[in-house]
Amino acid sequence: GALRRLEAVLECRTAIEANVKPRIA
């Protein structure tokens, strides 16, 4: 469960870097 949550944060960083709207990410 901790790993899934960590991956969710890292995926959010990647999405914002790919120009996904920050609020949506």
PDBML (XML) file of the C-alpha atoms, coordinates in Angstrom:
<?xml version="1.0" encoding="UTF-8" ?>
<PDBx:datablock datablockName="MODEL"
   xmlns:PDBx="http://pdbml.pdb.org/schema/pdbx-v50.xsd"
   xmlns:xsi="http://www.w3.org/2001/XMLSchema-instance"
   xsi:schemaLocation="http://pdbml.pdb.org/schema/pdbx-v50.xsd pdbx-v50.xsd">
   <PDBx:atom_siteCategory>
      <PDBx:atom_site id="1">
         <PDBx:B_iso_or_equiv>0.00</PDBx:B_iso_or_equiv>
         <PDBx:Cartn_x>0.000</PDBx:Cartn_x>
         <PDBx:Cartn_y>0.000</PDBx:Cartn_y>
         <PDBx:Cartn_z>0.000</PDBx:Cartn_z>
         <PDBx:auth_asym_id>A</PDBx:auth_asym_id>
         <PDBx:auth_atom_id>CA</PDBx:auth_atom_id>
         <PDBx:auth_comp_id>GLY</PDBx:auth_comp_id>
         <PDBx:auth_seq_id>1</PDBx:auth_seq_id>
         <PDBx:group_PDB>ATOM</PDBx:group_PDB>
         <PDBx:label_alt_id xsi:nil="true" />
         <PDBx:label_asym_id>A</PDBx:label_asym_id>
         <PDBx:label_atom_id>CA</PDBx:label_atom_id>
         <PDBx:label_comp_id>GLY</PDBx:label_comp_id>
         <PDBx:label_entity_id>1</PDBx:label_entity_id>
         <PDBx:label_seq_id>1</PDBx:label_seq_id>
         <PDBx:occupancy>1.00</PDBx:occupancy>
         <PDBx:pdbx_PDB_model_num>1</PDBx:pdbx_PDB_model_num>
         <PDBx:type_symbol>C</PDBx:type_symbol>
      </PDBx:atom_site>
      <PDBx:atom_site id="2">
         <PDBx:B_iso_or_equiv>0.00</PDBx:B_iso_or_equiv>
         <PDBx:Cartn_x>2.832</PDBx:Cartn_x>
         <PDBx:Cartn_y>2.418</PDBx:Cartn_y>
         <PDBx:Cartn_z>0.780</PDBx:Cartn_z>
         <PDBx:auth_asym_id>A</PDBx:auth_asym_id>
         <PDBx:auth_atom_id>CA</PDBx:auth_atom_id>
         <PDBx:auth_comp_id>ALA</PDBx:auth_comp_id>
         <PDBx:auth_seq_id>2</PDBx:auth_seq_id>
         <PDBx:group_PDB>ATOM</PDBx:group_PDB>
         <PDBx:label_alt_id xsi:nil="true" />
         <PDBx:label_asym_id>A</PDBx:label_asym_id>
         <PDBx:label_atom_id>CA</PDBx:label_atom_id>
         <PDBx:label_comp_id>ALA</PDBx:label_comp_id>
         <PDBx:label_entity_id>1</PDBx:label_entity_id>
         <PDBx:label_seq_id>2</PDBx:label_seq_id>
         <PDBx:occupancy>1.00</PDBx:occupancy>
         <PDBx:pdbx_PDB_model_num>1</PDBx:pdbx_PDB_model_num>
         <PDBx:type_symbol>C</PDBx:type_symbol>
      </PDBx:atom_site>
      <PDBx:atom_site id="3">
         <PDBx:B_iso_or_equiv>0.00</PDBx:B_iso_or_equiv>
         <PDBx:Cartn_x>4.470</PDBx:Cartn_x>
         <PDBx:Cartn_y>1.619</PDBx:Cartn_y>
         <PDBx:Cartn_z>-2.576</PDBx:Cartn_z>
         <PDBx:auth_asym_id>A</PDBx:auth_asym_id>
         <PDBx:auth_atom_id>CA</PDBx:auth_atom_id>
         <PDBx:auth_comp_id>LEU</PDBx:auth_comp_id>
         <PDBx:auth_seq_id>3</PDBx:auth_seq_id>
         <PDBx:group_PDB>ATOM</PDBx:group_PDB>
         <PDBx:label_alt_id xsi:nil="true" />
         <PDBx:label_asym_id>A</PDBx:label_asym_id>
         <PDBx:label_atom_id>CA</PDBx:label_atom_id>
         <PDBx:label_comp_id>LEU</PDBx:label_comp_id>
         <PDBx:label_entity_id>1</PDBx:label_entity_id>
         <PDBx:label_seq_id>3</PDBx:label_seq_id>
         <PDBx:occupancy>1.00</PDBx:occupancy>
         <PDBx:pdbx_PDB_model_num>1</PDBx:pdbx_PDB_model_num>
         <PDBx:type_symbol>C</PDBx:type_symbol>
      </PDBx:atom_site>
      <PDBx:atom_site id="4">
         <PDBx:B_iso_or_equiv>0.00</PDBx:B_iso_or_equiv>
         <PDBx:Cartn_x>1.230</PDBx:Cartn_x>
         <PDBx:Cartn_y>2.293</PDBx:Cartn_y>
         <PDBx:Cartn_z>-4.485</PDBx:Cartn_z>
         <PDBx:auth_asym_id>A</PDBx:auth_asym_id>
         <PDBx:auth_atom_id>CA</PDBx:auth_atom_id>
         <PDBx:auth_comp_id>ARG</PDBx:auth_comp_id>
         <PDBx:auth_seq_id>4</PDBx:auth_seq_id>
         <PDBx:group_PDB>ATOM</PDBx:group_PDB>
         <PDBx:label_alt_id xsi:nil="true" />
         <PDBx:label_asym_id>A</PDBx:label_asym_id>
         <PDBx:label_atom_id>CA</PDBx:label_atom_id>
         <PDBx:label_comp_id>ARG</PDBx:label_comp_id>
         <PDBx:label_entity_id>1</PDBx:label_entity_id>
         <PDBx:label_seq_id>4</PDBx:label_seq_id>
         <PDBx:occupancy>1.00</PDBx:occupancy>
         <PDBx:pdbx_PDB_model_num>1</PDBx:pdbx_PDB_model_num>
         <PDBx:type_symbol>C</PDBx:type_symbol>
      </PDBx:atom_site>
      <PDBx:atom_site id="5">
         <PDBx:B_iso_or_equiv>0.00</PDBx:B_iso_or_equiv>
         <PDBx:Cartn_x>0.892</PDBx:Cartn_x>
         <PDBx:Cartn_y>5.652</PDBx:Cartn_y>
         <PDBx:Cartn_z>-2.793</PDBx:Cartn_z>
         <PDBx:auth_asym_id>A</PDBx:auth_asym_id>
         <PDBx:auth_atom_id>CA</PDBx:auth_atom_id>
         <PDBx:auth_comp_id>ARG</PDBx:auth_comp_id>
         <PDBx:auth_seq_id>5</PDBx:auth_seq_id>
         <PDBx:group_PDB>ATOM</PDBx:group_PDB>
         <PDBx:label_alt_id xsi:nil="true" />
         <PDBx:label_asym_id>A</PDBx:label_asym_id>
         <PDBx:label_atom_id>CA</PDBx:label_atom_id>
         <PDBx:label_comp_id>ARG</PDBx:label_comp_id>
         <PDBx:label_entity_id>1</PDBx:label_entity_id>
         <PDBx:label_seq_id>5</PDBx:label_seq_id>
         <PDBx:occupancy>1.00</PDBx:occupancy>
         <PDBx:pdbx_PDB_model_num>1</PDBx:pdbx_PDB_model_num>
         <PDBx:type_symbol>C</PDBx:type_symbol>
      </PDBx:atom_site>
      <PDBx:atom_site id="6">
         <PDBx:B_iso_or_equiv>0.00</PDBx:B_iso_or_equiv>
         <PDBx:Cartn_x>4.505</PDBx:Cartn_x>
         <PDBx:Cartn_y>6.565</PDBx:Cartn_y>
         <PDBx:Cartn_z>-3.528</PDBx:Cartn_z>
         <PDBx:auth_asym_id>A</PDBx:auth_asym_id>
         <PDBx:auth_atom_id>CA</PDBx:auth_atom_id>
         <PDBx:auth_comp_id>LEU</PDBx:auth_comp_id>
         <PDBx:auth_seq_id>6</PDBx:auth_seq_id>
         <PDBx:group_PDB>ATOM</PDBx:group_PDB>
         <PDBx:label_alt_id xsi:nil="true" />
         <PDBx:label_asym_id>A</PDBx:label_asym_id>
         <PDBx:label_atom_id>CA</PDBx:label_atom_id>
         <PDBx:label_comp_id>LEU</PDBx:label_comp_id>
         <PDBx:label_entity_id>1</PDBx:label_entity_id>
         <PDBx:label_seq_id>6</PDBx:label_seq_id>
         <PDBx:occupancy>1.00</PDBx:occupancy>
         <PDBx:pdbx_PDB_model_num>1</PDBx:pdbx_PDB_model_num>
         <PDBx:type_symbol>C</PDBx:type_symbol>
      </PDBx:atom_site>
      <PDBx:atom_site id="7">
         <PDBx:B_iso_or_equiv>0.00</PDBx:B_iso_or_equiv>
         <PDBx:Cartn_x>3.982</PDBx:Cartn_x>
         <PDBx:Cartn_y>5.628</PDBx:Cartn_y>
         <PDBx:Cartn_z>-7.169</PDBx:Cartn_z>
         <PDBx:auth_asym_id>A</PDBx:auth_asym_id>
         <PDBx:auth_atom_id>CA</PDBx:auth_atom_id>
         <PDBx:auth_comp_id>GLU</PDBx:auth_comp_id>
         <PDBx:auth_seq_id>7</PDBx:auth_seq_id>
         <PDBx:group_PDB>ATOM</PDBx:group_PDB>
         <PDBx:label_alt_id xsi:nil="true" />
         <PDBx:label_asym_id>A</PDBx:label_asym_id>
         <PDBx:label_atom_id>CA</PDBx:label_atom_id>
         <PDBx:label_comp_id>GLU</PDBx:label_comp_id>
         <PDBx:label_entity_id>1</PDBx:label_entity_id>
         <PDBx:label_seq_id>7</PDBx:label_seq_id>
         <PDBx:occupancy>1.00</PDBx:occupancy>
         <PDBx:pdbx_PDB_model_num>1</PDBx:pdbx_PDB_model_num>
         <PDBx:type_symbol>C</PDBx:type_symbol>
      </PDBx:atom_site>
      <PDBx:atom_site id="8">
         <PDBx:B_iso_or_equiv>0.00</PDBx:B_iso_or_equiv>
         <PDBx:Cartn_x>0.867</PDBx:Cartn_x>
         <PDBx:Cartn_y>7.831</PDBx:Cartn_y>
         <PDBx:Cartn_z>-7.295</PDBx:Cartn_z>
         <PDBx:auth_asym_id>A</PDBx:auth_asym_id>
         <PDBx:auth_atom_id>CA</PDBx:auth_atom_id>
         <PDBx:auth_comp_id>ALA</PDBx:auth_comp_id>
         <PDBx:auth_seq_id>8</PDBx:auth_seq_id>
         <PDBx:group_PDB>ATOM</PDBx:group_PDB>
         <PDBx:label_alt_id xsi:nil="true" />
         <PDBx:label_asym_id>A</PDBx:label_asym_id>
         <PDBx:label_atom_id>CA</PDBx:label_atom_id>
         <PDBx:label_comp_id>ALA</PDBx:label_comp_id>
         <PDBx:label_entity_id>1</PDBx:label_entity_id>
         <PDBx:label_seq_id>8</PDBx:label_seq_id>
         <PDBx:occupancy>1.00</PDBx:occupancy>
         <PDBx:pdbx_PDB_model_num>1</PDBx:pdbx_PDB_model_num>
         <PDBx:type_symbol>C</PDBx:type_symbol>
      </PDBx:atom_site>
      <PDBx:atom_site id="9">
         <PDBx:B_iso_or_equiv>0.00</PDBx:B_iso_or_equiv>
         <PDBx:Cartn_x>2.928</PDBx:Cartn_x>
         <PDBx:Cartn_y>10.864</PDBx:Cartn_y>
         <PDBx:Cartn_z>-6.226</PDBx:Cartn_z>
         <PDBx:auth_asym_id>A</PDBx:auth_asym_id>
         <PDBx:auth_atom_id>CA</PDBx:auth_atom_id>
         <PDBx:auth_comp_id>VAL</PDBx:auth_comp_id>
         <PDBx:auth_seq_id>9</PDBx:auth_seq_id>
         <PDBx:group_PDB>ATOM</PDBx:group_PDB>
         <PDBx:label_alt_id xsi:nil="true" />
         <PDBx:label_asym_id>A</PDBx:label_asym_id>
         <PDBx:label_atom_id>CA</PDBx:label_atom_id>
         <PDBx:label_comp_id>VAL</PDBx:label_comp_id>
         <PDBx:label_entity_id>1</PDBx:label_entity_id>
         <PDBx:label_seq_id>9</PDBx:label_seq_id>
         <PDBx:occupancy>1.00</PDBx:occupancy>
         <PDBx:pdbx_PDB_model_num>1</PDBx:pdbx_PDB_model_num>
         <PDBx:type_symbol>C</PDBx:type_symbol>
      </PDBx:atom_site>
      <PDBx:atom_site id="10">
         <PDBx:B_iso_or_equiv>0.00</PDBx:B_iso_or_equiv>
         <PDBx:Cartn_x>5.663</PDBx:Cartn_x>
         <PDBx:Cartn_y>10.121</PDBx:Cartn_y>
         <PDBx:Cartn_z>-8.762</PDBx:Cartn_z>
         <PDBx:auth_asym_id>A</PDBx:auth_asym_id>
         <PDBx:auth_atom_id>CA</PDBx:auth_atom_id>
         <PDBx:auth_comp_id>LEU</PDBx:auth_comp_id>
         <PDBx:auth_seq_id>10</PDBx:auth_seq_id>
         <PDBx:group_PDB>ATOM</PDBx:group_PDB>
         <PDBx:label_alt_id xsi:nil="true" />
         <PDBx:label_asym_id>A</PDBx:label_asym_id>
         <PDBx:label_atom_id>CA</PDBx:label_atom_id>
         <PDBx:label_comp_id>LEU</PDBx:label_comp_id>
         <PDBx:label_entity_id>1</PDBx:label_entity_id>
         <PDBx:label_seq_id>10</PDBx:label_seq_id>
         <PDBx:occupancy>1.00</PDBx:occupancy>
         <PDBx:pdbx_PDB_model_num>1</PDBx:pdbx_PDB_model_num>
         <PDBx:type_symbol>C</PDBx:type_symbol>
      </PDBx:atom_site>
      <PDBx:atom_site id="11">
         <PDBx:B_iso_or_equiv>0.00</PDBx:B_iso_or_equiv>
         <PDBx:Cartn_x>3.098</PDBx:Cartn_x>
         <PDBx:Cartn_y>9.627</PDBx:Cartn_y>
         <PDBx:Cartn_z>-11.530</PDBx:Cartn_z>
         <PDBx:auth_asym_id>A</PDBx:auth_asym_id>
         <PDBx:auth_atom_id>CA</PDBx:auth_atom_id>
         <PDBx:auth_comp_id>GLU</PDBx:auth_comp_id>
         <PDBx:auth_seq_id>11</PDBx:auth_seq_id>
         <PDBx:group_PDB>ATOM</PDBx:group_PDB>
         <PDBx:label_alt_id xsi:nil="true" />
         <PDBx:label_asym_id>A</PDBx:label_asym_id>
         <PDBx:label_atom_id>CA</PDBx:label_atom_id>
         <PDBx:label_comp_id>GLU</PDBx:label_comp_id>
         <PDBx:label_entity_id>1</PDBx:label_entity_id>
         <PDBx:label_seq_id>11</PDBx:label_seq_id>
         <PDBx:occupancy>1.00</PDBx:occupancy>
         <PDBx:pdbx_PDB_model_num>1</PDBx:pdbx_PDB_model_num>
         <PDBx:type_symbol>C</PDBx:type_symbol>
      </PDBx:atom_site>
      <PDBx:atom_site id="12">
         <PDBx:B_iso_or_equiv>0.00</PDBx:B_iso_or_equiv>
         <PDBx:Cartn_x>1.620</PDBx:Cartn_x>
         <PDBx:Cartn_y>13.026</PDBx:Cartn_y>
         <PDBx:Cartn_z>-10.679</PDBx:Cartn_z>
         <PDBx:auth_asym_id>A</PDBx:auth_asym_id>
         <PDBx:auth_atom_id>CA</PDBx:auth_atom_id>
         <PDBx:auth_comp_id>CYS</PDBx:auth_comp_id>
         <PDBx:auth_seq_id>12</PDBx:auth_seq_id>
         <PDBx:group_PDB>ATOM</PDBx:group_PDB>
         <PDBx:label_alt_id xsi:nil="true" />
         <PDBx:label_asym_id>A</PDBx:label_asym_id>
         <PDBx:label_atom_id>CA</PDBx:label_atom_id>
         <PDBx:label_comp_id>CYS</PDBx:label_comp_id>
         <PDBx:label_entity_id>1</PDBx:label_entity_id>
         <PDBx:label_seq_id>12</PDBx:label_seq_id>
         <PDBx:occupancy>1.00</PDBx:occupancy>
         <PDBx:pdbx_PDB_model_num>1</PDBx:pdbx_PDB_model_num>
         <PDBx:type_symbol>C</PDBx:type_symbol>
      </PDBx:atom_site>
      <PDBx:atom_site id="13">
         <PDBx:B_iso_or_equiv>0.00</PDBx:B_iso_or_equiv>
         <PDBx:Cartn_x>5.041</PDBx:Cartn_x>
         <PDBx:Cartn_y>14.655</PDBx:Cartn_y>
         <PDBx:Cartn_z>-11.120</PDBx:Cartn_z>
         <PDBx:auth_asym_id>A</PDBx:auth_asym_id>
         <PDBx:auth_atom_id>CA</PDBx:auth_atom_id>
         <PDBx:auth_comp_id>ARG</PDBx:auth_comp_id>
         <PDBx:auth_seq_id>13</PDBx:auth_seq_id>
         <PDBx:group_PDB>ATOM</PDBx:group_PDB>
         <PDBx:label_alt_id xsi:nil="true" />
         <PDBx:label_asym_id>A</PDBx:label_asym_id>
         <PDBx:label_atom_id>CA</PDBx:label_atom_id>
         <PDBx:label_comp_id>ARG</PDBx:label_comp_id>
         <PDBx:label_entity_id>1</PDBx:label_entity_id>
         <PDBx:label_seq_id>13</PDBx:label_seq_id>
         <PDBx:occupancy>1.00</PDBx:occupancy>
         <PDBx:pdbx_PDB_model_num>1</PDBx:pdbx_PDB_model_num>
         <PDBx:type_symbol>C</PDBx:type_symbol>
      </PDBx:atom_site>
      <PDBx:atom_site id="14">
         <PDBx:B_iso_or_equiv>0.00</PDBx:B_iso_or_equiv>
         <PDBx:Cartn_x>5.457</PDBx:Cartn_x>
         <PDBx:Cartn_y>12.916</PDBx:Cartn_y>
         <PDBx:Cartn_z>-14.484</PDBx:Cartn_z>
         <PDBx:auth_asym_id>A</PDBx:auth_asym_id>
         <PDBx:auth_atom_id>CA</PDBx:auth_atom_id>
         <PDBx:auth_comp_id>THR</PDBx:auth_comp_id>
         <PDBx:auth_seq_id>14</PDBx:auth_seq_id>
         <PDBx:group_PDB>ATOM</PDBx:group_PDB>
         <PDBx:label_alt_id xsi:nil="true" />
         <PDBx:label_asym_id>A</PDBx:label_asym_id>
         <PDBx:label_atom_id>CA</PDBx:label_atom_id>
         <PDBx:label_comp_id>THR</PDBx:label_comp_id>
         <PDBx:label_entity_id>1</PDBx:label_entity_id>
         <PDBx:label_seq_id>14</PDBx:label_seq_id>
         <PDBx:occupancy>1.00</PDBx:occupancy>
         <PDBx:pdbx_PDB_model_num>1</PDBx:pdbx_PDB_model_num>
         <PDBx:type_symbol>C</PDBx:type_symbol>
      </PDBx:atom_site>
      <PDBx:atom_site id="15">
         <PDBx:B_iso_or_equiv>0.00</PDBx:B_iso_or_equiv>
         <PDBx:Cartn_x>1.988</PDBx:Cartn_x>
         <PDBx:Cartn_y>13.993</PDBx:Cartn_y>
         <PDBx:Cartn_z>-15.644</PDBx:Cartn_z>
         <PDBx:auth_asym_id>A</PDBx:auth_asym_id>
         <PDBx:auth_atom_id>CA</PDBx:auth_atom_id>
         <PDBx:auth_comp_id>ALA</PDBx:auth_comp_id>
         <PDBx:auth_seq_id>15</PDBx:auth_seq_id>
         <PDBx:group_PDB>ATOM</PDBx:group_PDB>
         <PDBx:label_alt_id xsi:nil="true" />
         <PDBx:label_asym_id>A</PDBx:label_asym_id>
         <PDBx:label_atom_id>CA</PDBx:label_atom_id>
         <PDBx:label_comp_id>ALA</PDBx:label_comp_id>
         <PDBx:label_entity_id>1</PDBx:label_entity_id>
         <PDBx:label_seq_id>15</PDBx:label_seq_id>
         <PDBx:occupancy>1.00</PDBx:occupancy>
         <PDBx:pdbx_PDB_model_num>1</PDBx:pdbx_PDB_model_num>
         <PDBx:type_symbol>C</PDBx:type_symbol>
      </PDBx:atom_site>
      <PDBx:atom_site id="16">
         <PDBx:B_iso_or_equiv>0.00</PDBx:B_iso_or_equiv>
         <PDBx:Cartn_x>2.618</PDBx:Cartn_x>
         <PDBx:Cartn_y>17.654</PDBx:Cartn_y>
         <PDBx:Cartn_z>-14.785</PDBx:Cartn_z>
         <PDBx:auth_asym_id>A</PDBx:auth_asym_id>
         <PDBx:auth_atom_id>CA</PDBx:auth_atom_id>
         <PDBx:auth_comp_id>ILE</PDBx:auth_comp_id>
         <PDBx:auth_seq_id>16</PDBx:auth_seq_id>
         <PDBx:group_PDB>ATOM</PDBx:group_PDB>
         <PDBx:label_alt_id xsi:nil="true" />
         <PDBx:label_asym_id>A</PDBx:label_asym_id>
         <PDBx:label_atom_id>CA</PDBx:label_atom_id>
         <PDBx:label_comp_id>ILE</PDBx:label_comp_id>
         <PDBx:label_entity_id>1</PDBx:label_entity_id>
         <PDBx:label_seq_id>16</PDBx:label_seq_id>
         <PDBx:occupancy>1.00</PDBx:occupancy>
         <PDBx:pdbx_PDB_model_num>1</PDBx:pdbx_PDB_model_num>
         <PDBx:type_symbol>C</PDBx:type_symbol>
      </PDBx:atom_site>
      <PDBx:atom_site id="17">
         <PDBx:B_iso_or_equiv>0.00</PDBx:B_iso_or_equiv>
         <PDBx:Cartn_x>5.959</PDBx:Cartn_x>
         <PDBx:Cartn_y>17.543</PDBx:Cartn_y>
         <PDBx:Cartn_z>-16.577</PDBx:Cartn_z>
         <PDBx:auth_asym_id>A</PDBx:auth_asym_id>
         <PDBx:auth_atom_id>CA</PDBx:auth_atom_id>
         <PDBx:auth_comp_id>GLU</PDBx:auth_comp_id>
         <PDBx:auth_seq_id>17</PDBx:auth_seq_id>
         <PDBx:group_PDB>ATOM</PDBx:group_PDB>
         <PDBx:label_alt_id xsi:nil="true" />
         <PDBx:label_asym_id>A</PDBx:label_asym_id>
         <PDBx:label_atom_id>CA</PDBx:label_atom_id>
         <PDBx:label_comp_id>GLU</PDBx:label_comp_id>
         <PDBx:label_entity_id>1</PDBx:label_entity_id>
         <PDBx:label_seq_id>17</PDBx:label_seq_id>
         <PDBx:occupancy>1.00</PDBx:occupancy>
         <PDBx:pdbx_PDB_model_num>1</PDBx:pdbx_PDB_model_num>
         <PDBx:type_symbol>C</PDBx:type_symbol>
      </PDBx:atom_site>
      <PDBx:atom_site id="18">
         <PDBx:B_iso_or_equiv>0.00</PDBx:B_iso_or_equiv>
         <PDBx:Cartn_x>4.050</PDBx:Cartn_x>
         <PDBx:Cartn_y>16.222</PDBx:Cartn_y>
         <PDBx:Cartn_z>-19.631</PDBx:Cartn_z>
         <PDBx:auth_asym_id>A</PDBx:auth_asym_id>
         <PDBx:auth_atom_id>CA</PDBx:auth_atom_id>
         <PDBx:auth_comp_id>ALA</PDBx:auth_comp_id>
         <PDBx:auth_seq_id>18</PDBx:auth_seq_id>
         <PDBx:group_PDB>ATOM</PDBx:group_PDB>
         <PDBx:label_alt_id xsi:nil="true" />
         <PDBx:label_asym_id>A</PDBx:label_asym_id>
         <PDBx:label_atom_id>CA</PDBx:label_atom_id>
         <PDBx:label_comp_id>ALA</PDBx:label_comp_id>
         <PDBx:label_entity_id>1</PDBx:label_entity_id>
         <PDBx:label_seq_id>18</PDBx:label_seq_id>
         <PDBx:occupancy>1.00</PDBx:occupancy>
         <PDBx:pdbx_PDB_model_num>1</PDBx:pdbx_PDB_model_num>
         <PDBx:type_symbol>C</PDBx:type_symbol>
      </PDBx:atom_site>
      <PDBx:atom_site id="19">
         <PDBx:B_iso_or_equiv>0.00</PDBx:B_iso_or_equiv>
         <PDBx:Cartn_x>1.825</PDBx:Cartn_x>
         <PDBx:Cartn_y>19.360</PDBx:Cartn_y>
         <PDBx:Cartn_z>-19.479</PDBx:Cartn_z>
         <PDBx:auth_asym_id>A</PDBx:auth_asym_id>
         <PDBx:auth_atom_id>CA</PDBx:auth_atom_id>
         <PDBx:auth_comp_id>ASN</PDBx:auth_comp_id>
         <PDBx:auth_seq_id>19</PDBx:auth_seq_id>
         <PDBx:group_PDB>ATOM</PDBx:group_PDB>
         <PDBx:label_alt_id xsi:nil="true" />
         <PDBx:label_asym_id>A</PDBx:label_asym_id>
         <PDBx:label_atom_id>CA</PDBx:label_atom_id>
         <PDBx:label_comp_id>ASN</PDBx:label_comp_id>
         <PDBx:label_entity_id>1</PDBx:label_entity_id>
         <PDBx:label_seq_id>19</PDBx:label_seq_id>
         <PDBx:occupancy>1.00</PDBx:occupancy>
         <PDBx:pdbx_PDB_model_num>1</PDBx:pdbx_PDB_model_num>
         <PDBx:type_symbol>C</PDBx:type_symbol>
      </PDBx:atom_site>
      <PDBx:atom_site id="20">
         <PDBx:B_iso_or_equiv>0.00</PDBx:B_iso_or_equiv>
         <PDBx:Cartn_x>-1.240</PDBx:Cartn_x>
         <PDBx:Cartn_y>17.782</PDBx:Cartn_y>
         <PDBx:Cartn_z>-17.884</PDBx:Cartn_z>
         <PDBx:auth_asym_id>A</PDBx:auth_asym_id>
         <PDBx:auth_atom_id>CA</PDBx:auth_atom_id>
         <PDBx:auth_comp_id>VAL</PDBx:auth_comp_id>
         <PDBx:auth_seq_id>20</PDBx:auth_seq_id>
         <PDBx:group_PDB>ATOM</PDBx:group_PDB>
         <PDBx:label_alt_id xsi:nil="true" />
         <PDBx:label_asym_id>A</PDBx:label_asym_id>
         <PDBx:label_atom_id>CA</PDBx:label_atom_id>
         <PDBx:label_comp_id>VAL</PDBx:label_comp_id>
         <PDBx:label_entity_id>1</PDBx:label_entity_id>
         <PDBx:label_seq_id>20</PDBx:label_seq_id>
         <PDBx:occupancy>1.00</PDBx:occupancy>
         <PDBx:pdbx_PDB_model_num>1</PDBx:pdbx_PDB_model_num>
         <PDBx:type_symbol>C</PDBx:type_symbol>
      </PDBx:atom_site>
      <PDBx:atom_site id="21">
         <PDBx:B_iso_or_equiv>0.00</PDBx:B_iso_or_equiv>
         <PDBx:Cartn_x>-3.211</PDBx:Cartn_x>
         <PDBx:Cartn_y>20.505</PDBx:Cartn_y>
         <PDBx:Cartn_z>-16.087</PDBx:Cartn_z>
         <PDBx:auth_asym_id>A</PDBx:auth_asym_id>
         <PDBx:auth_atom_id>CA</PDBx:auth_atom_id>
         <PDBx:auth_comp_id>LYS</PDBx:auth_comp_id>
         <PDBx:auth_seq_id>21</PDBx:auth_seq_id>
         <PDBx:group_PDB>ATOM</PDBx:group_PDB>
         <PDBx:label_alt_id xsi:nil="true" />
         <PDBx:label_asym_id>A</PDBx:label_asym_id>
         <PDBx:label_atom_id>CA</PDBx:label_atom_id>
         <PDBx:label_comp_id>LYS</PDBx:label_comp_id>
         <PDBx:label_entity_id>1</PDBx:label_entity_id>
         <PDBx:label_seq_id>21</PDBx:label_seq_id>
         <PDBx:occupancy>1.00</PDBx:occupancy>
         <PDBx:pdbx_PDB_model_num>1</PDBx:pdbx_PDB_model_num>
         <PDBx:type_symbol>C</PDBx:type_symbol>
      </PDBx:atom_site>
      <PDBx:atom_site id="22">
         <PDBx:B_iso_or_equiv>0.00</PDBx:B_iso_or_equiv>
         <PDBx:Cartn_x>-1.790</PDBx:Cartn_x>
         <PDBx:Cartn_y>20.607</PDBx:Cartn_y>
         <PDBx:Cartn_z>-12.537</PDBx:Cartn_z>
         <PDBx:auth_asym_id>A</PDBx:auth_asym_id>
         <PDBx:auth_atom_id>CA</PDBx:auth_atom_id>
         <PDBx:auth_comp_id>PRO</PDBx:auth_comp_id>
         <PDBx:auth_seq_id>22</PDBx:auth_seq_id>
         <PDBx:group_PDB>ATOM</PDBx:group_PDB>
         <PDBx:label_alt_id xsi:nil="true" />
         <PDBx:label_asym_id>A</PDBx:label_asym_id>
         <PDBx:label_atom_id>CA</PDBx:label_atom_id>
         <PDBx:label_comp_id>PRO</PDBx:label_comp_id>
         <PDBx:label_entity_id>1</PDBx:label_entity_id>
         <PDBx:label_seq_id>22</PDBx:label_seq_id>
         <PDBx:occupancy>1.00</PDBx:occupancy>
         <PDBx:pdbx_PDB_model_num>1</PDBx:pdbx_PDB_model_num>
         <PDBx:type_symbol>C</PDBx:type_symbol>
      </PDBx:atom_site>
      <PDBx:atom_site id="23">
         <PDBx:B_iso_or_equiv>0.00</PDBx:B_iso_or_equiv>
         <PDBx:Cartn_x>-5.226</PDBx:Cartn_x>
         <PDBx:Cartn_y>20.626</PDBx:Cartn_y>
         <PDBx:Cartn_z>-10.883</PDBx:Cartn_z>
         <PDBx:auth_asym_id>A</PDBx:auth_asym_id>
         <PDBx:auth_atom_id>CA</PDBx:auth_atom_id>
         <PDBx:auth_comp_id>ARG</PDBx:auth_comp_id>
         <PDBx:auth_seq_id>23</PDBx:auth_seq_id>
         <PDBx:group_PDB>ATOM</PDBx:group_PDB>
         <PDBx:label_alt_id xsi:nil="true" />
         <PDBx:label_asym_id>A</PDBx:label_asym_id>
         <PDBx:label_atom_id>CA</PDBx:label_atom_id>
         <PDBx:label_comp_id>ARG</PDBx:label_comp_id>
         <PDBx:label_entity_id>1</PDBx:label_entity_id>
         <PDBx:label_seq_id>23</PDBx:label_seq_id>
         <PDBx:occupancy>1.00</PDBx:occupancy>
         <PDBx:pdbx_PDB_model_num>1</PDBx:pdbx_PDB_model_num>
         <PDBx:type_symbol>C</PDBx:type_symbol>
      </PDBx:atom_site>
      <PDBx:atom_site id="24">
         <PDBx:B_iso_or_equiv>0.00</PDBx:B_iso_or_equiv>
         <PDBx:Cartn_x>-6.351</PDBx:Cartn_x>
         <PDBx:Cartn_y>17.531</PDBx:Cartn_y>
         <PDBx:Cartn_z>-12.791</PDBx:Cartn_z>
         <PDBx:auth_asym_id>A</PDBx:auth_asym_id>
         <PDBx:auth_atom_id>CA</PDBx:auth_atom_id>
         <PDBx:auth_comp_id>ILE</PDBx:auth_comp_id>
         <PDBx:auth_seq_id>24</PDBx:auth_seq_id>
         <PDBx:group_PDB>ATOM</PDBx:group_PDB>
         <PDBx:label_alt_id xsi:nil="true" />
         <PDBx:label_asym_id>A</PDBx:label_asym_id>
         <PDBx:label_atom_id>CA</PDBx:label_atom_id>
         <PDBx:label_comp_id>ILE</PDBx:label_comp_id>
         <PDBx:label_entity_id>1</PDBx:label_entity_id>
         <PDBx:label_seq_id>24</PDBx:label_seq_id>
         <PDBx:occupancy>1.00</PDBx:occupancy>
         <PDBx:pdbx_PDB_model_num>1</PDBx:pdbx_PDB_model_num>
         <PDBx:type_symbol>C</PDBx:type_symbol>
      </PDBx:atom_site>
      <PDBx:atom_site id="25">
         <PDBx:B_iso_or_equiv>0.00</PDBx:B_iso_or_equiv>
         <PDBx:Cartn_x>-3.113</PDBx:Cartn_x>
         <PDBx:Cartn_y>15.674</PDBx:Cartn_y>
         <PDBx:Cartn_z>-12.021</PDBx:Cartn_z>
         <PDBx:auth_asym_id>A</PDBx:auth_asym_id>
         <PDBx:auth_atom_id>CA</PDBx:auth_atom_id>
         <PDBx:auth_comp_id>ALA</PDBx:auth_comp_id>
         <PDBx:auth_seq_id>25</PDBx:auth_seq_id>
         <PDBx:group_PDB>ATOM</PDBx:group_PDB>
         <PDBx:label_alt_id xsi:nil="true" />
         <PDBx:label_asym_id>A</PDBx:label_asym_id>
         <PDBx:label_atom_id>CA</PDBx:label_atom_id>
         <PDBx:label_comp_id>ALA</PDBx:label_comp_id>
         <PDBx:label_entity_id>1</PDBx:label_entity_id>
         <PDBx:label_seq_id>25</PDBx:label_seq_id>
         <PDBx:occupancy>1.00</PDBx:occupancy>
         <PDBx:pdbx_PDB_model_num>1</PDBx:pdbx_PDB_model_num>
         <PDBx:type_symbol>C</PDBx:type_symbol>
      </PDBx:atom_site>
   </PDBx:atom_siteCategory>
</PDBx:datablock>
